[in-house]
Each structure stands twice: as structure tokens, then as C-alpha cells.
């Protein structure tokens, strides 16, 4: 997990943003919006060009999440797409795989600053699910952030145990 967190932090510091669309632009990743049916997003590497294709039916918070998730695939799983052009579909459909988990951890780290999550969780009026809504992320992504914070020594208990397939729903 540490290598994922280091890369997320490196990109945030280098590009001075947590906005995944701005990070994608800085990395020269083309972000496209297309009708994808039930598929929320896909990472494509072809002819030395990188693309993130996002389902244009998603709302803005979901598009932001999918973009961050697919940047994670770009940073850590591009080799799968290069070695096998059909791998993009593998990455997209096998949501329980290690690459999906890594992309979700990356997205949680980019989209959810530690201090903001801790501030909301410490608010007595707030609970896990309300905090997720406040941050415009699904509870499953908040669970991934809790896993990150636990690795940093925070004592937190999430009311769910997210799997890598939550973006498939």
C-alpha cells in the first residue's frame, strides 16, 4: 500500500491539486466521455497514448471518482494494457482483482485528504455515512480511506468492509 500512497502524494504535491481531471491533464492522459452502458469507466493505452473513458451518464462526483480510479490504473497497471490490449477490459470487469483494490486505494488517497476525513469523523453530529456524503464519495471509498488511516496509526472502525467491486454497482 505504501508505494500507492507515495505516488498519490507525489502527484498531489507536484501538480498542487487533488482534482483528478487536472492531474490527468498534467499527465497528458486524455479524458473522454462516452456512453458506456453499465460500465462507469475504462483505462485504455493504445499507440503510446493513454485514455480515460468515463461514462457520460454519471453525475459529477462519480465522474471525479472514476477519473481518480483510472489514473491509479495508469500509474500502476499500464503494463497490463501494453502487454495485452484486451487487458483494459480485464481491468474493468474483474473488480475483485488486486489492480482494482490498488486503484481504489489511490483514488481514496487523492480525493480524501486525511485532515478533512478526521475532522468530519470527530464531529459528534457526523457518522461514517454522513461523512462520506459530505465528501461526495460512496461509503466504500471512505472505507478504503479508513484502511489507509489505520495503516497510519489511527484507530477507526468502518461499518462496512468494502470490496474492490463497488464501482461495478
C-alpha atoms as a PDB file:
ATOM      1  CA  UNK A   1       0.000   0.000   0.000  1.00  0.00           C
ATOM      2  CA  UNK A   2       2.878   2.387   0.756  1.00  0.00           C
ATOM      3  CA  UNK A   3       4.009   2.663  -2.865  1.00  0.00           C
ATOM      4  CA  UNK A   4       0.458   3.659  -3.868  1.00  0.00           C
ATOM      5  CA  UNK A   5       0.239   6.328  -1.174  1.00  0.00           C
ATOM      6  CA  UNK A   6       3.677   7.709  -2.069  1.00  0.00           C
ATOM      7  CA  UNK A   7       2.704   8.037  -5.731  1.00  0.00           C
ATOM      8  CA  UNK A   8      -0.606   9.738  -4.889  1.00  0.00           C
ATOM      9  CA  UNK A   9       1.162  12.186  -2.594  1.00  0.00           C
ATOM     10  CA  UNK A  10       3.888  12.803  -5.178  1.00  0.00           C
ATOM     11  CA  UNK A  11       1.308  13.702  -7.832  1.00  0.00           C
ATOM     12  CA  UNK A  12      -0.679  15.918  -5.435  1.00  0.00           C
ATOM     13  CA  UNK A  13       2.464  17.813  -4.424  1.00  0.00           C
ATOM     14  CA  UNK A  14       3.897  18.051  -7.938  1.00  0.00           C
ATOM     15  CA  UNK A  15       0.707  19.316  -9.560  1.00  0.00           C
ATOM     16  CA  UNK A  16      -0.611  21.161  -6.497  1.00  0.00           C
ATOM     17  CA  UNK A  17      -4.091  19.723  -6.805  1.00  0.00           C
ATOM     18  CA  UNK A  18      -6.279  16.845  -5.715  1.00  0.00           C
ATOM     19  CA  UNK A  19      -8.546  17.359  -8.722  1.00  0.00           C
ATOM     20  CA  UNK A  20      -8.155  14.153 -10.767  1.00  0.00           C
ATOM     21  CA  UNK A  21      -9.087  15.903 -14.014  1.00  0.00           C
ATOM     22  CA  UNK A  22      -6.268  18.413 -13.530  1.00  0.00           C
ATOM     23  CA  UNK A  23      -3.870  15.615 -12.600  1.00  0.00           C
ATOM     24  CA  UNK A  24      -4.884  13.661 -15.728  1.00  0.00           C
ATOM     25  CA  UNK A  25      -4.293  16.771 -17.823  1.00  0.00           C
ATOM     26  CA  UNK A  26      -0.842  17.300 -16.270  1.00  0.00           C
ATOM     27  CA  UNK A  27      -0.002  13.645 -17.017  1.00  0.00           C
ATOM     28  CA  UNK A  28      -1.148  14.025 -20.654  1.00  0.00           C
ATOM     29  CA  UNK A  29      -3.898  11.471 -20.184  1.00  0.00           C
ATOM     30  CA  UNK A  30      -6.840  12.126 -22.464  1.00  0.00           C
ATOM     31  CA  UNK A  31     -10.171  12.098 -20.631  1.00  0.00           C
ATOM     32  CA  UNK A  32     -13.144  11.249 -22.822  1.00  0.00           C
ATOM     33  CA  UNK A  33     -16.843  10.984 -22.034  1.00  0.00           C
ATOM     34  CA  UNK A  34     -18.833   8.329 -23.827  1.00  0.00           C
ATOM     35  CA  UNK A  35     -21.980   6.273 -23.333  1.00  0.00           C
ATOM     36  CA  UNK A  36     -20.639   3.090 -21.730  1.00  0.00           C
ATOM     37  CA  UNK A  37     -23.826   1.376 -20.658  1.00  0.00           C
ATOM     38  CA  UNK A  38     -23.335  -0.124 -17.210  1.00  0.00           C
ATOM     39  CA  UNK A  39     -19.566   0.418 -17.312  1.00  0.00           C
ATOM     40  CA  UNK A  40     -18.535   3.503 -15.350  1.00  0.00           C
ATOM     41  CA  UNK A  41     -15.073   3.948 -16.785  1.00  0.00           C
ATOM     42  CA  UNK A  42     -12.178   2.334 -18.525  1.00  0.00           C
ATOM     43  CA  UNK A  43      -8.446   2.923 -18.903  1.00  0.00           C
ATOM     44  CA  UNK A  44      -7.059   2.457 -22.408  1.00  0.00           C
ATOM     45  CA  UNK A  45      -3.467   2.506 -23.624  1.00  0.00           C
ATOM     46  CA  UNK A  46      -3.078   2.385 -27.366  1.00  0.00           C
ATOM     47  CA  UNK A  47      -0.484   3.679 -29.823  1.00  0.00           C
ATOM     48  CA  UNK A  48       1.519   5.255 -26.993  1.00  0.00           C
ATOM     49  CA  UNK A  49      -1.484   7.320 -25.951  1.00  0.00           C
ATOM     50  CA  UNK A  50      -3.374   6.995 -22.711  1.00  0.00           C
ATOM     51  CA  UNK A  51      -7.092   7.489 -22.321  1.00  0.00           C
ATOM     52  CA  UNK A  52      -9.565   7.511 -19.504  1.00  0.00           C
ATOM     53  CA  UNK A  53     -13.042   6.988 -20.842  1.00  0.00           C
ATOM     54  CA  UNK A  54     -15.818   7.926 -18.411  1.00  0.00           C
ATOM     55  CA  UNK A  55     -19.487   7.092 -18.756  1.00  0.00           C
ATOM     56  CA  UNK A  56     -21.164  10.371 -19.634  1.00  0.00           C
ATOM     57  CA  UNK A  57     -24.326   9.359 -17.751  1.00  0.00           C
ATOM     58  CA  UNK A  58     -22.568   9.610 -14.362  1.00  0.00           C
ATOM     59  CA  UNK A  59     -23.009  12.614 -12.092  1.00  0.00           C
ATOM     60  CA  UNK A  60     -20.053  14.901 -11.394  1.00  0.00           C
ATOM     61  CA  UNK A  61     -18.892  13.253  -8.117  1.00  0.00           C
ATOM     62  CA  UNK A  62     -18.955   9.821  -9.769  1.00  0.00           C
ATOM     63  CA  UNK A  63     -17.009  11.125 -12.786  1.00  0.00           C
ATOM     64  CA  UNK A  64     -14.410  12.555 -10.394  1.00  0.00           C
ATOM     65  CA  UNK A  65     -14.124   9.202  -8.593  1.00  0.00           C
ATOM     66  CA  UNK A  66     -13.835   7.213 -11.818  1.00  0.00           C
ATOM     67  CA  UNK A  67     -11.174   9.604 -13.137  1.00  0.00           C
ATOM     68  CA  UNK A  68      -9.099   9.224  -9.953  1.00  0.00           C
ATOM     69  CA  UNK A  69      -9.547   5.431 -10.040  1.00  0.00           C
ATOM     70  CA  UNK A  70      -8.448   5.206 -13.685  1.00  0.00           C
ATOM     71  CA  UNK A  71      -5.396   7.394 -13.007  1.00  0.00           C
ATOM     72  CA  UNK A  72      -4.493   4.711 -10.469  1.00  0.00           C
ATOM     73  CA  UNK A  73      -4.613   2.134 -13.264  1.00  0.00           C
ATOM     74  CA  UNK A  74      -2.445   4.410 -15.390  1.00  0.00           C
ATOM     75  CA  UNK A  75       0.182   4.717 -12.660  1.00  0.00           C
ATOM     76  CA  UNK A  76       0.304   1.064 -11.590  1.00  0.00           C
ATOM     77  CA  UNK A  77      -1.242  -1.149 -14.266  1.00  0.00           C
ATOM     78  CA  UNK A  78      -0.338   0.369 -17.597  1.00  0.00           C
ATOM     79  CA  UNK A  79       1.866  -2.649 -18.256  1.00  0.00           C
ATOM     80  CA  UNK A  80      -1.243  -4.841 -18.308  1.00  0.00           C
ATOM     81  CA  UNK A  81      -2.737  -2.736 -21.085  1.00  0.00           C
ATOM     82  CA  UNK A  82       0.563  -2.635 -23.002  1.00  0.00           C
ATOM     83  CA  UNK A  83       1.171  -6.386 -22.788  1.00  0.00           C
ATOM     84  CA  UNK A  84      -2.365  -7.239 -23.752  1.00  0.00           C
ATOM     85  CA  UNK A  85      -4.643  -4.717 -25.446  1.00  0.00           C
ATOM     86  CA  UNK A  86      -7.640  -6.692 -24.193  1.00  0.00           C
ATOM     87  CA  UNK A  87      -6.368  -6.124 -20.653  1.00  0.00           C
ATOM     88  CA  UNK A  88      -8.357  -2.915 -20.427  1.00  0.00           C
ATOM     89  CA  UNK A  89     -11.489  -4.996 -20.304  1.00  0.00           C
ATOM     90  CA  UNK A  90      -9.905  -7.333 -17.786  1.00  0.00           C
ATOM     91  CA  UNK A  91      -9.072  -4.366 -15.575  1.00  0.00           C
ATOM     92  CA  UNK A  92     -12.575  -3.014 -15.883  1.00  0.00           C
ATOM     93  CA  UNK A  93     -14.539  -6.169 -15.323  1.00  0.00           C
ATOM     94  CA  UNK A  94     -12.511  -8.091 -12.766  1.00  0.00           C
ATOM     95  CA  UNK A  95     -13.389  -5.756  -9.929  1.00  0.00           C
ATOM     96  CA  UNK A  96     -12.205  -8.077  -7.178  1.00  0.00           C
ATOM     97  CA  UNK A  97      -8.651  -8.103  -8.506  1.00  0.00           C
ATOM     98  CA  UNK A  98      -5.563  -6.646  -6.896  1.00  0.00           C
ATOM     99  CA  UNK A  99      -5.396  -3.892  -9.575  1.00  0.00           C
ATOM    100  CA  UNK A 100      -8.921  -2.766  -8.656  1.00  0.00           C
ATOM    101  CA  UNK A 101      -8.037  -2.622  -4.978  1.00  0.00           C
ATOM    102  CA  UNK A 102      -4.873  -0.639  -5.734  1.00  0.00           C
ATOM    103  CA  UNK A 103      -6.768   1.804  -7.972  1.00  0.00           C
ATOM    104  CA  UNK A 104      -9.354   2.303  -5.209  1.00  0.00           C
ATOM    105  CA  UNK A 105      -6.659   2.995  -2.617  1.00  0.00           C
ATOM    106  CA  UNK A 106      -5.080   5.501  -4.996  1.00  0.00           C
ATOM    107  CA  UNK A 107      -8.454   7.208  -5.591  1.00  0.00           C
ATOM    108  CA  UNK A 108      -9.175   7.368  -1.845  1.00  0.00           C
ATOM    109  CA  UNK A 109      -5.809   8.969  -1.169  1.00  0.00           C
ATOM    110  CA  UNK A 110      -6.178  11.544  -3.946  1.00  0.00           C
ATOM    111  CA  UNK A 111      -9.795  12.502  -3.219  1.00  0.00           C
ATOM    112  CA  UNK A 112      -9.905  12.340   0.572  1.00  0.00           C
ATOM    113  CA  UNK A 113      -7.382  14.452   2.491  1.00  0.00           C
ATOM    114  CA  UNK A 114      -6.548  12.960   5.906  1.00  0.00           C
ATOM    115  CA  UNK A 115      -7.315  16.144   7.834  1.00  0.00           C
ATOM    116  CA  UNK A 116     -10.729  16.563   6.232  1.00  0.00           C
ATOM    117  CA  UNK A 117     -11.750  12.959   6.944  1.00  0.00           C
ATOM    118  CA  UNK A 118     -10.511  13.147  10.553  1.00  0.00           C
ATOM    119  CA  UNK A 119     -12.296  16.464  11.090  1.00  0.00           C
ATOM    120  CA  UNK A 120     -15.603  15.002   9.879  1.00  0.00           C
ATOM    121  CA  UNK A 121     -15.258  11.755  11.823  1.00  0.00           C
ATOM    122  CA  UNK A 122     -14.504  13.664  15.030  1.00  0.00           C
ATOM    123  CA  UNK A 123     -17.634  15.777  14.591  1.00  0.00           C
ATOM    124  CA  UNK A 124     -20.189  14.409  17.057  1.00  0.00           C
ATOM    125  CA  UNK A 125     -23.004  15.211  14.642  1.00  0.00           C
ATOM    126  CA  UNK A 126     -21.386  13.128  11.920  1.00  0.00           C
ATOM    127  CA  UNK A 127     -21.261   9.410  11.301  1.00  0.00           C
ATOM    128  CA  UNK A 128     -19.392   7.333   8.742  1.00  0.00           C
ATOM    129  CA  UNK A 129     -22.094   7.511   6.073  1.00  0.00           C
ATOM    130  CA  UNK A 130     -22.839  11.210   6.547  1.00  0.00           C
ATOM    131  CA  UNK A 131     -19.121  11.967   6.325  1.00  0.00           C
ATOM    132  CA  UNK A 132     -18.951  10.076   3.027  1.00  0.00           C
ATOM    133  CA  UNK A 133     -21.920  12.057   1.688  1.00  0.00           C
ATOM    134  CA  UNK A 134     -20.321  15.289   2.881  1.00  0.00           C
ATOM    135  CA  UNK A 135     -17.193  14.416   0.873  1.00  0.00           C
ATOM    136  CA  UNK A 136     -19.237  13.332  -2.206  1.00  0.00           C
ATOM    137  CA  UNK A 137     -17.876   9.797  -2.216  1.00  0.00           C
ATOM    138  CA  UNK A 138     -19.550   6.421  -1.781  1.00  0.00           C
ATOM    139  CA  UNK A 139     -19.124   4.802   1.657  1.00  0.00           C
ATOM    140  CA  UNK A 140     -16.954   2.116   0.087  1.00  0.00           C
ATOM    141  CA  UNK A 141     -14.319   4.691  -0.892  1.00  0.00           C
ATOM    142  CA  UNK A 142     -14.462   6.048   2.655  1.00  0.00           C
ATOM    143  CA  UNK A 143     -13.744   2.504   3.852  1.00  0.00           C
ATOM    144  CA  UNK A 144     -10.632   2.423   1.678  1.00  0.00           C
ATOM    145  CA  UNK A 145      -9.591   5.743   3.254  1.00  0.00           C
ATOM    146  CA  UNK A 146     -10.163   4.253   6.703  1.00  0.00           C
ATOM    147  CA  UNK A 147      -7.831   1.392   5.754  1.00  0.00           C
ATOM    148  CA  UNK A 148      -5.205   3.978   4.803  1.00  0.00           C
ATOM    149  CA  UNK A 149      -5.683   5.903   8.044  1.00  0.00           C
ATOM    150  CA  UNK A 150      -5.459   2.674  10.065  1.00  0.00           C
ATOM    151  CA  UNK A 151      -2.104   1.973   8.400  1.00  0.00           C
ATOM    152  CA  UNK A 152      -1.034   5.413   9.673  1.00  0.00           C
ATOM    153  CA  UNK A 153      -1.959   4.528  13.241  1.00  0.00           C
ATOM    154  CA  UNK A 154      -5.486   5.910  13.542  1.00  0.00           C
ATOM    155  CA  UNK A 155      -7.969   3.772  15.451  1.00  0.00           C
ATOM    156  CA  UNK A 156     -11.038   3.707  13.264  1.00  0.00           C
ATOM    157  CA  UNK A 157     -13.775   1.204  12.640  1.00  0.00           C
ATOM    158  CA  UNK A 158     -15.768   1.334   9.436  1.00  0.00           C
ATOM    159  CA  UNK A 159     -19.300  -0.106   9.479  1.00  0.00           C
ATOM    160  CA  UNK A 160     -18.617  -1.971   6.249  1.00  0.00           C
ATOM    161  CA  UNK A 161     -15.842  -3.911   4.592  1.00  0.00           C
ATOM    162  CA  UNK A 162     -15.611  -2.631   1.039  1.00  0.00           C
ATOM    163  CA  UNK A 163     -14.523  -4.872  -1.774  1.00  0.00           C
ATOM    164  CA  UNK A 164     -12.978  -3.708  -4.997  1.00  0.00           C
ATOM    165  CA  UNK A 165     -16.202  -4.153  -6.919  1.00  0.00           C
ATOM    166  CA  UNK A 166     -18.153  -1.210  -5.565  1.00  0.00           C
ATOM    167  CA  UNK A 167     -17.643   0.770  -8.775  1.00  0.00           C
ATOM    168  CA  UNK A 168     -19.343  -2.024 -10.676  1.00  0.00           C
ATOM    169  CA  UNK A 169     -22.665  -1.400  -8.910  1.00  0.00           C
END
